[in-house]
C-alpha atoms as a PDB file:
ATOM      1  CA  MET A   1     -21.955  49.874  44.263  1.00  0.00           C
ATOM      2  CA  ARG A   2     -24.285  46.931  44.934  1.00  0.00           C
ATOM      3  CA  ASP A   3     -24.684  43.922  42.675  1.00  0.00           C
ATOM      4  CA  GLU A   4     -27.981  42.889  41.069  1.00  0.00           C
ATOM      5  CA  LYS A   5     -29.076  41.046  44.227  1.00  0.00           C
ATOM      6  CA  GLY A   6     -28.122  43.932  46.502  1.00  0.00           C
ATOM      7  CA  ASN A   7     -25.697  41.736  48.448  1.00  0.00           C
ATOM      8  CA  GLY A   8     -22.713  44.029  48.547  1.00  0.00           C
ATOM      9  CA  LEU A   9     -20.348  46.191  46.628  1.00  0.00           C
ATOM     10  CA  PHE A  10     -18.686  45.261  43.406  1.00  0.00           C
ATOM     11  CA  ASP A  11     -16.277  46.975  41.067  1.00  0.00           C
ATOM     12  CA  PRO A  12     -17.361  46.837  37.376  1.00  0.00           C
ATOM     13  CA  TYR A  13     -13.762  47.287  36.249  1.00  0.00           C
ATOM     14  CA  GLU A  14     -12.573  44.416  38.447  1.00  0.00           C
ATOM     15  CA  THR A  15     -15.397  42.201  37.169  1.00  0.00           C
ATOM     16  CA  GLU A  16     -14.463  42.999  33.595  1.00  0.00           C
ATOM     17  CA  GLN A  17     -10.810  42.190  34.322  1.00  0.00           C
ATOM     18  CA  GLN A  18     -11.750  38.831  35.800  1.00  0.00           C
ATOM     19  CA  GLU A  19     -13.875  37.975  32.769  1.00  0.00           C
ATOM     20  CA  TRP A  20     -11.030  38.974  30.487  1.00  0.00           C
ATOM     21  CA  LYS A  21      -8.596  36.760  32.413  1.00  0.00           C
ATOM     22  CA  LYS A  22     -11.006  33.810  32.214  1.00  0.00           C
ATOM     23  CA  GLN A  23     -11.299  34.338  28.469  1.00  0.00           C
ATOM     24  CA  GLN A  24      -7.506  34.433  28.126  1.00  0.00           C
ATOM     25  CA  VAL A  25      -7.184  31.179  30.088  1.00  0.00           C
ATOM     26  CA  LYS A  26      -9.741  29.530  27.782  1.00  0.00           C
ATOM     27  CA  GLU A  27      -7.905  30.737  24.672  1.00  0.00           C
ATOM     28  CA  ARG A  28      -4.566  29.448  25.982  1.00  0.00           C
ATOM     29  CA  SER A  29      -6.144  26.101  26.829  1.00  0.00           C
ATOM     30  CA  LYS A  30      -7.477  25.822  23.274  1.00  0.00           C
ATOM     31  CA  GLN A  31      -4.058  26.690  21.846  1.00  0.00           C
ATOM     32  CA  LEU A  32      -2.406  24.128  24.124  1.00  0.00           C
ATOM     33  CA  LEU A  33      -4.815  21.394  23.023  1.00  0.00           C
ATOM     34  CA  THR A  34      -4.139  22.316  19.386  1.00  0.00           C
ATOM     35  CA  ILE A  35      -0.414  21.754  19.955  1.00  0.00           C
ATOM     36  CA  ILE A  36      -0.740  18.647  22.148  1.00  0.00           C
ATOM     37  CA  SER A  37      -2.948  16.574  19.806  1.00  0.00           C
ATOM     38  CA  PRO A  38      -0.481  16.191  16.885  1.00  0.00           C
ATOM     39  CA  ILE A  39       2.439  15.677  19.281  1.00  0.00           C
ATOM     40  CA  LEU A  40       0.504  12.904  21.043  1.00  0.00           C
ATOM     41  CA  ILE A  41      -0.256  11.170  17.729  1.00  0.00           C
ATOM     42  CA  LEU A  42       3.417  11.332  16.688  1.00  0.00           C
ATOM     43  CA  LEU A  43       4.506   9.975  20.074  1.00  0.00           C
ATOM     44  CA  ILE A  44       2.097   7.027  19.841  1.00  0.00           C
ATOM     45  CA  TRP A  45       3.271   6.387  16.279  1.00  0.00           C
ATOM     46  CA  GLU A  46       6.916   6.428  17.379  1.00  0.00           C
ATOM     47  CA  ILE A  47       6.288   3.999  20.237  1.00  0.00           C
ATOM     48  CA  CYS A  48       4.221   1.609  18.095  1.00  0.00           C
ATOM     49  CA  SER A  49       6.892   1.572  15.352  1.00  0.00           C
ATOM     50  CA  ARG A  50       9.769   1.045  17.779  1.00  0.00           C
ATOM     51  CA  THR A  51       7.995  -1.734  19.680  1.00  0.00           C
ATOM     52  CA  GLY A  52       6.912  -3.601  16.549  1.00  0.00           C
ATOM     53  CA  ILE A  53       3.194  -3.002  16.910  1.00  0.00           C
ATOM     54  CA  LEU A  54       3.363  -1.279  13.525  1.00  0.00           C
ATOM     55  CA  ASP A  55       5.427  -2.761  10.688  1.00  0.00           C
ATOM     56  CA  ILE A  56       8.435  -0.461  10.392  1.00  0.00           C
ATOM     57  CA  ARG A  57       8.657  -1.203   6.656  1.00  0.00           C
ATOM     58  CA  PHE A  58       5.296   0.468   6.054  1.00  0.00           C
ATOM     59  CA  PHE A  59       5.170   2.854   9.005  1.00  0.00           C
ATOM     60  CA  PRO A  60       8.686   4.137   9.732  1.00  0.00           C
ATOM     61  CA  PRO A  61       8.978   5.986  13.054  1.00  0.00           C
ATOM     62  CA  PRO A  62       8.568   9.791  12.928  1.00  0.00           C
ATOM     63  CA  SER A  63      12.180  10.226  14.092  1.00  0.00           C
ATOM     64  CA  ALA A  64      13.384   8.398  10.958  1.00  0.00           C
ATOM     65  CA  ILE A  65      11.080  10.532   8.803  1.00  0.00           C
ATOM     66  CA  VAL A  66      12.512  13.694  10.380  1.00  0.00           C
ATOM     67  CA  SER A  67      16.011  12.443   9.620  1.00  0.00           C
ATOM     68  CA  THR A  68      15.008  11.837   5.982  1.00  0.00           C
ATOM     69  CA  PHE A  69      13.481  15.315   5.857  1.00  0.00           C
ATOM     70  CA  PHE A  70      16.803  16.902   6.828  1.00  0.00           C
ATOM     71  CA  GLU A  71      18.645  14.757   4.294  1.00  0.00           C
ATOM     72  CA  LEU A  72      16.351  15.896   1.499  1.00  0.00           C
ATOM     73  CA  ALA A  73      16.519  19.489   2.704  1.00  0.00           C
ATOM     74  CA  THR A  74      20.319  19.410   2.821  1.00  0.00           C
ATOM     75  CA  ASN A  75      20.759  18.212  -0.755  1.00  0.00           C
ATOM     76  CA  GLY A  76      18.272  20.825  -2.024  1.00  0.00           C
ATOM     77  CA  LEU A  77      15.897  18.342  -3.640  1.00  0.00           C
ATOM     78  CA  LEU A  78      13.107  18.983  -1.158  1.00  0.00           C
ATOM     79  CA  TRP A  79      13.086  22.752  -1.633  1.00  0.00           C
ATOM     80  CA  THR A  80      12.808  22.308  -5.390  1.00  0.00           C
ATOM     81  CA  HIS A  81       9.645  20.241  -4.995  1.00  0.00           C
ATOM     82  CA  VAL A  82       8.205  22.550  -2.310  1.00  0.00           C
ATOM     83  CA  SER A  83       8.837  25.778  -4.229  1.00  0.00           C
ATOM     84  CA  VAL A  84       7.253  24.379  -7.402  1.00  0.00           C
ATOM     85  CA  SER A  85       4.158  23.181  -5.549  1.00  0.00           C
ATOM     86  CA  LEU A  86       3.736  26.437  -3.614  1.00  0.00           C
ATOM     87  CA  TYR A  87       3.986  28.435  -6.837  1.00  0.00           C
ATOM     88  CA  ARG A  88       1.315  26.283  -8.478  1.00  0.00           C
ATOM     89  CA  ILE A  89      -0.932  26.453  -5.397  1.00  0.00           C
ATOM     90  CA  ALA A  90      -0.633  30.250  -5.064  1.00  0.00           C
ATOM     91  CA  ALA A  91      -1.179  30.928  -8.775  1.00  0.00           C
ATOM     92  CA  GLY A  92      -4.081  28.480  -9.065  1.00  0.00           C
ATOM     93  CA  PHE A  93      -5.669  29.727  -5.850  1.00  0.00           C
ATOM     94  CA  LEU A  94      -5.647  33.354  -7.030  1.00  0.00           C
ATOM     95  CA  LEU A  95      -6.821  32.369 -10.515  1.00  0.00           C
ATOM     96  CA  GLY A  96      -9.808  30.611  -8.940  1.00  0.00           C
ATOM     97  CA  VAL A  97     -10.604  33.015  -6.084  1.00  0.00           C
ATOM     98  CA  ILE A  98     -10.591  36.353  -7.927  1.00  0.00           C
ATOM     99  CA  PRO A  99     -13.006  35.354 -10.732  1.00  0.00           C
ATOM    100  CA  GLY A 100     -15.070  33.437  -8.161  1.00  0.00           C
ATOM    101  CA  ILE A 101     -15.547  36.570  -6.047  1.00  0.00           C
ATOM    102  CA  VAL A 102     -16.315  38.853  -8.997  1.00  0.00           C
ATOM    103  CA  ILE A 103     -18.781  36.468 -10.664  1.00  0.00           C
ATOM    104  CA  GLY A 104     -20.336  35.591  -7.296  1.00  0.00           C
ATOM    105  CA  LEU A 105     -20.961  39.260  -6.479  1.00  0.00           C
ATOM    106  CA  LEU A 106     -22.487  39.877  -9.912  1.00  0.00           C
ATOM    107  CA  MET A 107     -24.711  36.814  -9.579  1.00  0.00           C
ATOM    108  CA  GLY A 108     -25.839  37.888  -6.125  1.00  0.00           C
ATOM    109  CA  LEU A 109     -26.591  41.482  -7.131  1.00  0.00           C
ATOM    110  CA  TYR A 110     -28.223  40.950 -10.510  1.00  0.00           C
ATOM    111  CA  ALA A 111     -30.904  38.281 -10.969  1.00  0.00           C
ATOM    112  CA  PRO A 112     -30.545  38.015 -14.788  1.00  0.00           C
ATOM    113  CA  ILE A 113     -26.835  37.234 -14.429  1.00  0.00           C
ATOM    114  CA  ARG A 114     -27.630  34.732 -11.656  1.00  0.00           C
ATOM    115  CA  HIS A 115     -30.250  32.918 -13.736  1.00  0.00           C
ATOM    116  CA  PHE A 116     -27.948  32.862 -16.752  1.00  0.00           C
ATOM    117  CA  ILE A 117     -24.810  31.540 -14.994  1.00  0.00           C
ATOM    118  CA  SER A 118     -26.360  29.300 -12.299  1.00  0.00           C
ATOM    119  CA  PRO A 119     -27.185  26.372 -14.646  1.00  0.00           C
ATOM    120  CA  ILE A 120     -23.614  26.381 -15.954  1.00  0.00           C
ATOM    121  CA  VAL A 121     -22.164  26.407 -12.426  1.00  0.00           C
ATOM    122  CA  MET A 122     -24.560  23.702 -11.228  1.00  0.00           C
ATOM    123  CA  ALA A 123     -23.755  21.516 -14.250  1.00  0.00           C
ATOM    124  CA  LEU A 124     -19.976  21.813 -13.977  1.00  0.00           C
ATOM    125  CA  MET A 125     -19.616  21.756 -10.189  1.00  0.00           C
ATOM    126  CA  PRO A 126     -20.301  17.988  -9.695  1.00  0.00           C
ATOM    127  CA  ILE A 127     -17.595  17.072 -12.213  1.00  0.00           C
ATOM    128  CA  PRO A 128     -14.277  16.465 -10.383  1.00  0.00           C
ATOM    129  CA  THR A 129     -11.683  18.826 -11.824  1.00  0.00           C
ATOM    130  CA  LEU A 130      -9.193  15.966 -11.924  1.00  0.00           C
ATOM    131  CA  ALA A 131     -11.533  14.124 -14.302  1.00  0.00           C
ATOM    132  CA  LEU A 132     -11.058  17.062 -16.682  1.00  0.00           C
ATOM    133  CA  LEU A 133      -7.271  16.936 -16.346  1.00  0.00           C
ATOM    134  CA  PRO A 134      -6.771  15.079 -19.673  1.00  0.00           C
ATOM    135  CA  ILE A 135      -8.768  17.794 -21.478  1.00  0.00           C
ATOM    136  CA  ILE A 136      -6.884  20.520 -19.599  1.00  0.00           C
ATOM    137  CA  ILE A 137      -3.570  18.943 -20.632  1.00  0.00           C
ATOM    138  CA  ILE A 138      -4.728  18.827 -24.268  1.00  0.00           C
ATOM    139  CA  PHE A 139      -5.467  22.566 -24.184  1.00  0.00           C
ATOM    140  CA  PHE A 140      -2.628  23.811 -21.962  1.00  0.00           C
ATOM    141  CA  GLY A 141       0.069  21.137 -22.208  1.00  0.00           C
ATOM    142  CA  ILE A 142       1.795  19.271 -19.379  1.00  0.00           C
ATOM    143  CA  GLY A 143       3.606  22.315 -17.971  1.00  0.00           C
ATOM    144  CA  ASP A 144       2.832  24.328 -14.868  1.00  0.00           C
ATOM    145  CA  PHE A 145      -0.122  26.160 -16.391  1.00  0.00           C
ATOM    146  CA  SER A 146      -2.219  22.992 -16.692  1.00  0.00           C
ATOM    147  CA  LYS A 147      -1.726  22.345 -12.952  1.00  0.00           C
ATOM    148  CA  ILE A 148      -2.596  25.975 -12.185  1.00  0.00           C
ATOM    149  CA  VAL A 149      -5.804  25.768 -14.241  1.00  0.00           C
ATOM    150  CA  THR A 150      -6.735  22.496 -12.519  1.00  0.00           C
ATOM    151  CA  ILE A 151      -6.360  24.091  -9.076  1.00  0.00           C
ATOM    152  CA  ALA A 152      -8.226  27.218 -10.192  1.00  0.00           C
ATOM    153  CA  GLY A 153     -11.151  25.110 -11.400  1.00  0.00           C
ATOM    154  CA  SER A 154     -11.350  23.290  -8.066  1.00  0.00           C
ATOM    155  CA  VAL A 155     -11.184  26.506  -6.017  1.00  0.00           C
ATOM    156  CA  PHE A 156     -13.605  28.520  -8.161  1.00  0.00           C
ATOM    157  CA  PHE A 157     -16.835  26.704  -7.315  1.00  0.00           C
ATOM    158  CA  PRO A 158     -16.880  26.891  -3.484  1.00  0.00           C
ATOM    159  CA  VAL A 159     -15.849  30.551  -3.683  1.00  0.00           C
ATOM    160  CA  VAL A 160     -18.509  31.582  -6.209  1.00  0.00           C
ATOM    161  CA  ILE A 161     -21.296  29.648  -4.448  1.00  0.00           C
ATOM    162  CA  ASN A 162     -20.450  31.052  -1.013  1.00  0.00           C
ATOM    163  CA  THR A 163     -20.132  34.570  -2.419  1.00  0.00           C
ATOM    164  CA  VAL A 164     -23.583  34.369  -4.025  1.00  0.00           C
ATOM    165  CA  ALA A 165     -25.026  33.050  -0.753  1.00  0.00           C
ATOM    166  CA  GLY A 166     -23.346  35.881   1.156  1.00  0.00           C
ATOM    167  CA  VAL A 167     -24.828  38.557  -1.120  1.00  0.00           C
ATOM    168  CA  LEU A 168     -28.313  37.016  -1.028  1.00  0.00           C
ATOM    169  CA  ASN A 169     -28.165  36.954   2.785  1.00  0.00           C
ATOM    170  CA  ILE A 170     -27.661  40.723   2.982  1.00  0.00           C
ATOM    171  CA  GLU A 171     -30.723  42.254   4.618  1.00  0.00           C
ATOM    172  CA  LYS A 172     -32.973  43.933   2.081  1.00  0.00           C
ATOM    173  CA  VAL A 173     -33.140  47.109   4.163  1.00  0.00           C
ATOM    174  CA  HIS A 174     -29.479  47.841   3.382  1.00  0.00           C
ATOM    175  CA  LEU A 175     -30.130  47.548  -0.337  1.00  0.00           C
ATOM    176  CA  ASP A 176     -33.226  49.751  -0.096  1.00  0.00           C
ATOM    177  CA  VAL A 177     -31.362  52.454   1.820  1.00  0.00           C
ATOM    178  CA  ALA A 178     -28.587  52.431  -0.795  1.00  0.00           C
ATOM    179  CA  LYS A 179     -31.138  52.791  -3.607  1.00  0.00           C
ATOM    180  CA  ASN A 180     -32.913  55.638  -1.835  1.00  0.00           C
ATOM    181  CA  TYR A 181     -29.641  57.523  -1.498  1.00  0.00           C
ATOM    182  CA  GLY A 182     -28.819  56.977  -5.153  1.00  0.00           C
ATOM    183  CA  ALA A 183     -25.912  54.586  -4.750  1.00  0.00           C
ATOM    184  CA  SER A 184     -24.072  53.884  -7.998  1.00  0.00           C
ATOM    185  CA  PRO A 185     -23.452  50.331  -9.275  1.00  0.00           C
ATOM    186  CA  LYS A 186     -19.841  50.743  -8.121  1.00  0.00           C
ATOM    187  CA  ASP A 187     -21.033  51.617  -4.599  1.00  0.00           C
ATOM    188  CA  PHE A 188     -23.396  48.641  -4.575  1.00  0.00           C
ATOM    189  CA  PHE A 189     -20.533  46.382  -5.605  1.00  0.00           C
ATOM    190  CA  PHE A 190     -17.757  47.575  -3.292  1.00  0.00           C
ATOM    191  CA  LYS A 191     -19.589  49.167  -0.337  1.00  0.00           C
ATOM    192  CA  ILE A 192     -22.604  46.881   0.077  1.00  0.00           C
ATOM    193  CA  ALA A 193     -22.250  43.529  -1.690  1.00  0.00           C
ATOM    194  CA  PHE A 194     -18.569  42.924  -1.008  1.00  0.00           C
ATOM    195  CA  PRO A 195     -18.482  43.731   2.751  1.00  0.00           C
ATOM    196  CA  GLY A 196     -21.930  42.180   3.266  1.00  0.00           C
ATOM    197  CA  ALA A 197     -20.890  38.892   1.659  1.00  0.00           C
ATOM    198  CA  LEU A 198     -17.418  38.853   3.208  1.00  0.00           C
ATOM    199  CA  PRO A 199     -18.067  36.506   6.182  1.00  0.00           C
ATOM    200  CA  VAL A 200     -19.630  33.778   4.019  1.00  0.00           C
ATOM    201  CA  MET A 201     -17.164  34.470   1.195  1.00  0.00           C
ATOM    202  CA  LEU A 202     -14.215  33.843   3.515  1.00  0.00           C
ATOM    203  CA  GLU A 203     -15.676  30.458   4.434  1.00  0.00           C
ATOM    204  CA  GLY A 204     -15.674  29.595   0.743  1.00  0.00           C
ATOM    205  CA  ILE A 205     -12.081  30.758   0.426  1.00  0.00           C
ATOM    206  CA  GLN A 206     -11.181  28.592   3.432  1.00  0.00           C
ATOM    207  CA  MET A 207     -12.720  25.585   1.678  1.00  0.00           C
ATOM    208  CA  GLY A 208     -10.919  26.571  -1.501  1.00  0.00           C
ATOM    209  CA  GLN A 209      -7.463  26.472   0.051  1.00  0.00           C
ATOM    210  CA  ALA A 210      -8.081  22.946   1.365  1.00  0.00           C
ATOM    211  CA  ILE A 211      -9.299  21.822  -2.053  1.00  0.00           C
ATOM    212  CA  ALA A 212      -6.249  23.439  -3.672  1.00  0.00           C
ATOM    213  CA  LEU A 213      -3.924  21.247  -1.602  1.00  0.00           C
ATOM    214  CA  LEU A 214      -5.894  18.108  -2.441  1.00  0.00           C
ATOM    215  CA  THR A 215      -5.880  18.983  -6.117  1.00  0.00           C
ATOM    216  CA  ILE A 216      -2.183  19.828  -6.429  1.00  0.00           C
ATOM    217  CA  VAL A 217      -1.112  16.479  -4.978  1.00  0.00           C
ATOM    218  CA  ALA A 218      -3.327  14.503  -7.360  1.00  0.00           C
ATOM    219  CA  ALA A 219      -2.430  16.690 -10.354  1.00  0.00           C
ATOM    220  CA  GLU A 220       1.300  16.320  -9.712  1.00  0.00           C
ATOM    221  CA  MET A 221       0.917  12.561  -9.386  1.00  0.00           C
ATOM    222  CA  MET A 222      -0.701  12.308 -12.816  1.00  0.00           C
ATOM    223  CA  GLY A 223       1.302  14.599 -15.037  1.00  0.00           C
ATOM    224  CA  ALA A 224       4.340  16.283 -13.519  1.00  0.00           C
ATOM    225  CA  THR A 225       8.069  15.885 -13.100  1.00  0.00           C
ATOM    226  CA  SER A 226       8.361  17.918  -9.909  1.00  0.00           C
ATOM    227  CA  GLY A 227       6.357  18.981  -6.885  1.00  0.00           C
ATOM    228  CA  ILE A 228       5.289  17.453  -3.581  1.00  0.00           C
ATOM    229  CA  GLY A 229       2.712  15.203  -5.258  1.00  0.00           C
ATOM    230  CA  TYR A 230       5.384  13.959  -7.663  1.00  0.00           C
ATOM    231  CA  LEU A 231       7.701  13.274  -4.693  1.00  0.00           C
ATOM    232  CA  ILE A 232       4.975  11.287  -2.919  1.00  0.00           C
ATOM    233  CA  TRP A 233       4.093   9.208  -5.975  1.00  0.00           C
ATOM    234  CA  THR A 234       7.635   8.401  -7.144  1.00  0.00           C
ATOM    235  CA  SER A 235       8.692   7.553  -3.575  1.00  0.00           C
ATOM    236  CA  TYR A 236       5.727   5.200  -3.233  1.00  0.00           C
ATOM    237  CA  LYS A 237       6.524   3.432  -6.520  1.00  0.00           C
ATOM    238  CA  ALA A 238      10.160   2.990  -5.447  1.00  0.00           C
ATOM    239  CA  PHE A 239       9.039   1.815  -1.955  1.00  0.00           C
ATOM    240  CA  MET A 240      10.924   4.746  -0.373  1.00  0.00           C
ATOM    241  CA  LEU A 241       8.257   5.205   2.254  1.00  0.00           C
ATOM    242  CA  LYS A 242      10.180   7.622   4.472  1.00  0.00           C
ATOM    243  CA  GLU A 243      10.436  10.047   1.552  1.00  0.00           C
ATOM    244  CA  MET A 244       6.733   9.471   0.834  1.00  0.00           C
ATOM    245  CA  PHE A 245       5.800  10.339   4.417  1.00  0.00           C
ATOM    246  CA  VAL A 246       7.933  13.495   4.211  1.00  0.00           C
ATOM    247  CA  GLY A 247       5.750  14.644   1.317  1.00  0.00           C
ATOM    248  CA  LEU A 248       2.531  13.711   3.121  1.00  0.00           C
ATOM    249  CA  ILE A 249       3.548  15.551   6.296  1.00  0.00           C
ATOM    250  CA  LEU A 250       4.553  18.620   4.264  1.00  0.00           C
ATOM    251  CA  ILE A 251       1.103  18.760   2.668  1.00  0.00           C
ATOM    252  CA  SER A 252      -0.467  18.390   6.115  1.00  0.00           C
ATOM    253  CA  PHE A 253       1.761  21.159   7.491  1.00  0.00           C
ATOM    254  CA  PHE A 254       0.937  23.580   4.682  1.00  0.00           C
ATOM    255  CA  GLY A 255      -2.777  22.849   5.036  1.00  0.00           C
ATOM    256  CA  PHE A 256      -2.615  23.643   8.759  1.00  0.00           C
ATOM    257  CA  LEU A 257      -0.508  26.775   8.143  1.00  0.00           C
ATOM    258  CA  PHE A 258      -2.779  28.149   5.398  1.00  0.00           C
ATOM    259  CA  SER A 259      -5.833  27.477   7.530  1.00  0.00           C
ATOM    260  CA  LEU A 260      -4.332  29.402  10.456  1.00  0.00           C
ATOM    261  CA  LEU A 261      -3.399  32.320   8.199  1.00  0.00           C
ATOM    262  CA  LEU A 262      -6.897  32.526   6.720  1.00  0.00           C
ATOM    263  CA  ARG A 263      -8.516  32.248  10.158  1.00  0.00           C
ATOM    264  CA  GLY A 264      -6.273  35.042  11.390  1.00  0.00           C
ATOM    265  CA  LEU A 265      -7.205  37.152   8.371  1.00  0.00           C
ATOM    266  CA  GLN A 266     -10.866  36.441   9.004  1.00  0.00           C
ATOM    267  CA  LYS A 267     -10.591  37.624  12.615  1.00  0.00           C
ATOM    268  CA  LYS A 268      -8.960  40.859  11.453  1.00  0.00           C
ATOM    269  CA  ILE A 269     -11.422  41.586   8.632  1.00  0.00           C
ATOM    270  CA  VAL A 270     -14.666  40.377  10.244  1.00  0.00           C
ATOM    271  CA  PRO A 271     -13.972  40.447  14.010  1.00  0.00           C
ATOM    272  CA  TRP A 272     -17.675  40.248  14.855  1.00  0.00           C
ATOM    273  CA  ARG A 273     -17.890  36.668  13.527  1.00  0.00           C
END
């Protein structure tokens, strides 16, 4: 079989295999760069701390932070803080995402609902949820539920806004076809609006998980007796900076892990994106 220029034979299968191999090499290179960059930063940090370029009192070397991590993990204190924070993050994330998706779909599908709720969302969205923390504590106390509500409030807005945008971006022809075939409101909701808005909705959920991590740290600094944010704040006040950096690195690790999990989920659910 000749190529497009008529210069000889070529095997379509072999060409496809070569393209696939090139794609695999590119993907591995991206993965390698993803791993190398944080390792390089830690190595530079270690060298600068050991050589005195950085003040070891304020920037302890990563090796000392790792040692402190194992000390905290061995005595069980670290896992207490981590488990409490993960519970609050998971509960708050779900409490913000589920209503955000439902209300966003309703707003996207039905104009009266959109016009009724949009002013409320636009008015409340600019207010930092942490600024409402005193009011939240008055209503829900200083226990876990106030932290969960704070996270839920932070996560809700990017999810609902992205979900509405996703529904409004659905091509009108799909809606018209569904109407012509007598689709029920349930079918519109679950078979048209939800899958049609899913790519944009997942971007909102991705933003929501990052906001949840930011919120939990600040919320636990203000009114908590446990959690990663509490560990960071109390360690800072006691000038135990190695313990503080353990908390900071844990938050960074969980943010990276959650982002990878959501990206993997996105590739599975919407592989065409």
